[in-house]
């Protein structure tokens, strides 16, 4: 048996596909709604299953594309240079390179 947590899955996917990746986990206090989540991570409006699951993995062809999405993601660290949202919702994000190694950027 081999047990994989979500980060191990991210690393395995990136290594197998040779793509850059980002894992996200949505945190929404009871009072927050979908609109707040979309403000914290605007790209999620097209990904209803990830919203419903509360987490997901995105794969990218380039590091630049991955970084653009990471920079839009507001986590516990608060607003980013490209997303000034400062409300109740937060979206944790961690990235992984195309060799399957998690990177140092993590928005907590």
N, C-alpha and C. Protein backbone atom coordinates (compact mmCIF):
# COMPACT_ATOMS: atom_id res chain seq x y z
N UNK A 1 0.84 -1.17 0.00
CA UNK A 1 0.00 0.00 0.00
C UNK A 1 0.89 1.24 0.00
N UNK A 2 0.42 2.26 -0.71
CA UNK A 2 1.10 3.54 -0.71
C UNK A 2 0.06 4.62 -0.48
N UNK A 3 0.24 5.39 0.57
CA UNK A 3 -0.69 6.48 0.88
C UNK A 3 -0.10 7.78 0.37
N UNK A 4 -0.92 8.58 -0.32
CA UNK A 4 -0.47 9.85 -0.87
C UNK A 4 -1.33 10.98 -0.32
N UNK A 5 -0.69 11.96 0.30
CA UNK A 5 -1.43 13.16 0.64
C UNK A 5 -1.50 14.04 -0.61
N UNK A 6 -2.19 15.16 -0.50
CA UNK A 6 -2.42 16.00 -1.67
C UNK A 6 -1.13 16.57 -2.25
N UNK A 7 -0.17 16.87 -1.41
CA UNK A 7 1.11 17.40 -1.91
C UNK A 7 1.88 16.31 -2.63
N UNK A 8 1.84 15.09 -2.12
CA UNK A 8 2.50 13.97 -2.80
C UNK A 8 1.85 13.72 -4.17
N UNK A 9 0.54 13.87 -4.25
CA UNK A 9 -0.15 13.72 -5.53
C UNK A 9 0.30 14.81 -6.50
N UNK A 10 0.37 16.06 -6.01
CA UNK A 10 0.85 17.17 -6.83
C UNK A 10 2.25 16.86 -7.38
N UNK A 11 3.14 16.43 -6.51
CA UNK A 11 4.52 16.13 -6.93
C UNK A 11 4.55 15.00 -7.97
N UNK A 12 3.77 13.95 -7.73
CA UNK A 12 3.73 12.82 -8.67
C UNK A 12 3.17 13.24 -10.03
N UNK A 13 2.11 14.04 -10.02
CA UNK A 13 1.53 14.52 -11.28
C UNK A 13 2.51 15.38 -12.07
N UNK A 14 3.16 16.29 -11.38
CA UNK A 14 4.12 17.17 -12.06
C UNK A 14 5.28 16.36 -12.64
N UNK A 15 5.77 15.42 -11.87
CA UNK A 15 6.88 14.58 -12.33
C UNK A 15 6.45 13.74 -13.54
N UNK A 16 5.26 13.14 -13.47
CA UNK A 16 4.77 12.26 -14.54
C UNK A 16 4.44 13.01 -15.82
N UNK A 17 3.91 14.23 -15.68
CA UNK A 17 3.49 14.98 -16.86
C UNK A 17 4.53 15.99 -17.33
N UNK A 18 5.58 16.20 -16.48
CA UNK A 18 6.63 17.20 -16.75
C UNK A 18 6.01 18.60 -16.88
N UNK A 19 4.97 18.85 -16.09
CA UNK A 19 4.32 20.15 -16.07
C UNK A 19 4.51 20.80 -14.70
N UNK A 20 4.36 22.11 -14.68
CA UNK A 20 4.39 22.89 -13.45
C UNK A 20 3.02 22.77 -12.80
N UNK A 21 2.97 22.80 -11.47
CA UNK A 21 1.69 22.60 -10.80
C UNK A 21 1.48 23.48 -9.60
N UNK A 22 0.20 23.58 -9.22
CA UNK A 22 -0.17 24.34 -8.03
C UNK A 22 -1.35 23.63 -7.37
N UNK A 23 -1.20 23.37 -6.08
CA UNK A 23 -2.28 22.82 -5.27
C UNK A 23 -2.92 23.97 -4.51
N UNK A 24 -4.24 23.99 -4.46
CA UNK A 24 -4.94 25.01 -3.67
C UNK A 24 -5.91 24.34 -2.70
N UNK A 25 -6.15 25.03 -1.59
CA UNK A 25 -7.11 24.59 -0.60
C UNK A 25 -7.88 25.83 -0.15
N UNK A 26 -9.18 25.79 -0.29
CA UNK A 26 -10.03 26.94 -0.03
C UNK A 26 -10.45 26.98 1.44
N UNK A 27 -10.29 28.14 2.06
CA UNK A 27 -10.76 28.35 3.43
C UNK A 27 -11.78 29.46 3.40
N UNK A 28 -12.98 29.13 3.84
CA UNK A 28 -14.06 30.10 3.85
C UNK A 28 -14.75 30.08 5.21
N UNK A 29 -14.66 31.16 5.95
CA UNK A 29 -15.42 31.25 7.20
C UNK A 29 -16.91 31.16 6.90
N UNK A 30 -17.68 30.80 7.87
CA UNK A 30 -19.13 30.60 7.69
C UNK A 30 -19.83 31.77 7.01
N UNK A 31 -19.40 32.97 7.32
CA UNK A 31 -20.09 34.15 6.80
C UNK A 31 -19.72 34.47 5.35
N UNK A 32 -18.66 33.88 4.84
CA UNK A 32 -18.22 34.18 3.48
C UNK A 32 -19.07 33.41 2.46
N UNK A 33 -19.09 33.91 1.24
CA UNK A 33 -19.84 33.25 0.18
C UNK A 33 -18.96 33.05 -1.05
N UNK A 34 -19.56 32.52 -2.12
CA UNK A 34 -18.81 32.25 -3.36
C UNK A 34 -18.11 33.50 -3.89
N UNK A 35 -18.79 34.62 -3.78
CA UNK A 35 -18.21 35.87 -4.28
C UNK A 35 -16.89 36.18 -3.59
N UNK A 36 -16.81 35.90 -2.31
CA UNK A 36 -15.57 36.14 -1.56
C UNK A 36 -14.45 35.22 -2.05
N UNK A 37 -14.78 33.98 -2.31
CA UNK A 37 -13.77 33.03 -2.81
C UNK A 37 -13.25 33.50 -4.17
N UNK A 38 -14.17 33.93 -5.04
CA UNK A 38 -13.76 34.39 -6.37
C UNK A 38 -12.86 35.62 -6.28
N UNK A 39 -13.06 36.43 -5.25
CA UNK A 39 -12.18 37.58 -5.07
C UNK A 39 -10.78 37.13 -4.63
N UNK A 40 -10.71 36.10 -3.81
CA UNK A 40 -9.43 35.59 -3.31
C UNK A 40 -8.68 34.81 -4.39
N UNK A 41 -9.40 34.23 -5.32
CA UNK A 41 -8.79 33.47 -6.43
C UNK A 41 -9.71 33.60 -7.64
N UNK A 42 -9.57 34.69 -8.41
CA UNK A 42 -10.50 34.99 -9.50
C UNK A 42 -10.64 33.91 -10.56
N UNK A 43 -9.64 33.12 -10.76
CA UNK A 43 -9.66 32.07 -11.79
C UNK A 43 -10.59 30.90 -11.43
N UNK A 44 -11.07 30.85 -10.20
CA UNK A 44 -11.91 29.72 -9.77
C UNK A 44 -13.34 29.78 -10.29
N UNK A 45 -13.75 30.90 -10.88
CA UNK A 45 -15.13 30.99 -11.37
C UNK A 45 -15.43 29.98 -12.47
N UNK A 46 -14.41 29.45 -13.12
CA UNK A 46 -14.60 28.44 -14.17
C UNK A 46 -14.39 27.01 -13.67
N UNK A 47 -14.22 26.83 -12.38
CA UNK A 47 -13.85 25.50 -11.85
C UNK A 47 -14.75 25.13 -10.68
N UNK A 48 -16.02 24.89 -10.99
CA UNK A 48 -17.01 24.63 -9.96
C UNK A 48 -16.73 23.36 -9.16
N UNK A 49 -16.17 22.33 -9.78
CA UNK A 49 -15.89 21.10 -9.03
C UNK A 49 -14.83 21.34 -7.97
N UNK A 50 -13.80 22.11 -8.31
CA UNK A 50 -12.78 22.43 -7.32
C UNK A 50 -13.39 23.26 -6.20
N UNK A 51 -14.27 24.19 -6.53
CA UNK A 51 -14.97 24.97 -5.50
C UNK A 51 -15.77 24.05 -4.59
N UNK A 52 -16.49 23.11 -5.17
CA UNK A 52 -17.32 22.20 -4.39
C UNK A 52 -16.45 21.28 -3.51
N UNK A 53 -15.32 20.84 -4.04
CA UNK A 53 -14.43 19.96 -3.29
C UNK A 53 -13.64 20.71 -2.21
N UNK A 54 -13.42 21.98 -2.44
CA UNK A 54 -12.65 22.78 -1.49
C UNK A 54 -11.15 22.72 -1.71
N UNK A 55 -10.72 21.98 -2.73
CA UNK A 55 -9.29 21.91 -3.05
C UNK A 55 -9.14 21.39 -4.48
N UNK A 56 -7.94 21.56 -5.02
CA UNK A 56 -7.69 21.08 -6.38
C UNK A 56 -6.26 21.31 -6.80
N UNK A 57 -5.94 20.75 -7.94
CA UNK A 57 -4.60 20.85 -8.53
C UNK A 57 -4.73 21.42 -9.93
N UNK A 58 -3.88 22.38 -10.22
CA UNK A 58 -3.79 22.96 -11.56
C UNK A 58 -2.42 22.60 -12.14
N UNK A 59 -2.39 22.23 -13.41
CA UNK A 59 -1.14 21.95 -14.11
C UNK A 59 -0.94 23.00 -15.20
N UNK A 60 0.32 23.41 -15.39
CA UNK A 60 0.66 24.48 -16.32
C UNK A 60 1.80 24.05 -17.22
N UNK A 61 1.82 24.61 -18.42
CA UNK A 61 2.90 24.31 -19.37
C UNK A 61 4.19 25.02 -19.02
N UNK A 62 4.08 26.20 -18.38
CA UNK A 62 5.29 26.98 -18.10
C UNK A 62 5.30 27.47 -16.65
N UNK A 63 6.48 27.77 -16.17
CA UNK A 63 6.62 28.35 -14.84
C UNK A 63 5.97 29.73 -14.78
N UNK A 64 6.10 30.49 -15.86
CA UNK A 64 5.52 31.83 -15.91
C UNK A 64 4.02 31.78 -15.74
N UNK A 65 3.35 30.88 -16.44
CA UNK A 65 1.89 30.74 -16.32
C UNK A 65 1.51 30.34 -14.90
N UNK A 66 2.23 29.40 -14.33
CA UNK A 66 1.95 28.97 -12.96
C UNK A 66 2.10 30.14 -11.99
N UNK A 67 3.15 30.92 -12.16
CA UNK A 67 3.41 32.05 -11.28
C UNK A 67 2.31 33.10 -11.38
N UNK A 68 1.78 33.30 -12.57
CA UNK A 68 0.68 34.26 -12.76
C UNK A 68 -0.54 33.86 -11.93
N UNK A 69 -0.88 32.58 -11.92
CA UNK A 69 -2.02 32.10 -11.14
C UNK A 69 -1.71 32.15 -9.65
N UNK A 70 -0.50 31.77 -9.27
CA UNK A 70 -0.10 31.84 -7.87
C UNK A 70 -0.21 33.28 -7.36
N UNK A 71 0.24 34.22 -8.15
CA UNK A 71 0.22 35.62 -7.75
C UNK A 71 -1.20 36.18 -7.60
N UNK A 72 -2.18 35.57 -8.24
CA UNK A 72 -3.58 35.98 -8.12
C UNK A 72 -4.25 35.41 -6.87
N UNK A 73 -3.59 34.47 -6.20
CA UNK A 73 -4.19 33.70 -5.12
C UNK A 73 -3.89 34.32 -3.76
N UNK A 74 -4.93 34.80 -3.09
CA UNK A 74 -4.77 35.43 -1.79
C UNK A 74 -4.98 34.40 -0.69
N UNK A 75 -3.91 34.14 0.04
CA UNK A 75 -3.97 33.21 1.17
C UNK A 75 -3.89 33.96 2.48
N UNK A 76 -3.42 33.27 3.51
CA UNK A 76 -3.34 33.87 4.84
C UNK A 76 -2.36 35.04 4.89
N UNK A 77 -1.42 35.10 3.96
CA UNK A 77 -0.47 36.22 3.92
C UNK A 77 -1.14 37.53 3.51
N UNK A 78 -2.35 37.44 2.99
CA UNK A 78 -3.07 38.65 2.60
C UNK A 78 -2.88 39.00 1.13
N UNK A 79 -3.25 40.22 0.78
CA UNK A 79 -3.21 40.65 -0.62
C UNK A 79 -1.84 40.43 -1.28
N UNK A 80 -1.89 40.24 -2.59
CA UNK A 80 -0.67 40.07 -3.38
C UNK A 80 -0.49 41.30 -4.27
N UNK A 81 0.60 41.34 -4.99
CA UNK A 81 0.84 42.48 -5.89
C UNK A 81 -0.22 42.57 -6.97
N UNK A 82 -0.79 41.44 -7.38
CA UNK A 82 -1.77 41.47 -8.47
C UNK A 82 -3.20 41.26 -7.99
N UNK A 83 -3.41 41.01 -6.70
CA UNK A 83 -4.76 40.83 -6.18
C UNK A 83 -4.83 41.50 -4.80
N UNK A 84 -5.54 42.61 -4.73
CA UNK A 84 -5.64 43.39 -3.51
C UNK A 84 -6.73 42.94 -2.55
N UNK A 85 -7.36 41.80 -2.80
CA UNK A 85 -8.45 41.32 -1.94
C UNK A 85 -7.96 41.17 -0.50
N UNK A 86 -8.81 41.65 0.44
CA UNK A 86 -8.46 41.57 1.86
C UNK A 86 -9.72 41.24 2.68
N UNK A 87 -10.43 40.19 2.26
CA UNK A 87 -11.68 39.82 2.92
C UNK A 87 -11.57 38.54 3.72
N UNK A 88 -12.71 37.94 4.05
CA UNK A 88 -12.73 36.77 4.93
C UNK A 88 -12.26 35.45 4.31
N UNK A 89 -12.34 35.31 3.01
CA UNK A 89 -11.93 34.05 2.37
C UNK A 89 -10.42 34.05 2.11
N UNK A 90 -9.83 32.87 2.13
CA UNK A 90 -8.43 32.73 1.74
C UNK A 90 -8.26 31.42 1.00
N UNK A 91 -7.29 31.39 0.11
CA UNK A 91 -7.02 30.20 -0.68
C UNK A 91 -5.54 29.88 -0.55
N UNK A 92 -5.26 28.80 0.17
CA UNK A 92 -3.88 28.33 0.34
C UNK A 92 -3.36 27.84 -1.01
N UNK A 93 -2.12 28.15 -1.31
CA UNK A 93 -1.51 27.67 -2.56
C UNK A 93 -0.06 27.29 -2.31
N UNK A 94 0.35 26.21 -2.95
CA UNK A 94 1.75 25.80 -2.97
C UNK A 94 2.05 25.33 -4.38
N UNK A 95 3.26 25.62 -4.85
CA UNK A 95 3.61 25.28 -6.23
C UNK A 95 4.66 24.17 -6.30
N UNK A 96 4.76 23.61 -7.48
CA UNK A 96 5.66 22.48 -7.72
C UNK A 96 6.27 22.64 -9.11
N UNK A 97 7.56 22.35 -9.22
CA UNK A 97 8.19 22.47 -10.53
C UNK A 97 7.90 21.25 -11.41
N UNK A 98 8.36 21.30 -12.64
CA UNK A 98 8.06 20.22 -13.59
C UNK A 98 8.91 18.97 -13.39
N UNK A 99 9.74 18.97 -12.34
CA UNK A 99 10.50 17.77 -11.95
C UNK A 99 9.86 17.10 -10.74
N UNK A 100 8.75 17.67 -10.26
CA UNK A 100 8.04 17.08 -9.14
C UNK A 100 8.53 17.49 -7.77
N UNK A 101 9.18 18.64 -7.69
CA UNK A 101 9.68 19.15 -6.40
C UNK A 101 8.87 20.38 -6.01
N UNK A 102 8.31 20.36 -4.79
CA UNK A 102 7.60 21.53 -4.33
C UNK A 102 8.58 22.69 -4.20
N UNK A 103 8.07 23.87 -4.46
CA UNK A 103 8.91 25.06 -4.46
C UNK A 103 8.74 25.82 -3.15
N UNK A 104 9.54 26.81 -2.95
CA UNK A 104 9.54 27.56 -1.68
C UNK A 104 8.37 28.52 -1.56
N UNK A 105 7.67 28.80 -2.65
CA UNK A 105 6.56 29.76 -2.52
C UNK A 105 5.30 29.05 -2.02
N UNK A 106 4.80 29.58 -0.94
CA UNK A 106 3.63 29.07 -0.25
C UNK A 106 2.99 30.28 0.42
N UNK A 107 1.71 30.51 0.19
CA UNK A 107 1.09 31.76 0.65
C UNK A 107 0.40 31.62 2.01
N UNK A 108 1.15 31.16 3.00
CA UNK A 108 0.58 31.05 4.35
C UNK A 108 1.27 32.02 5.28
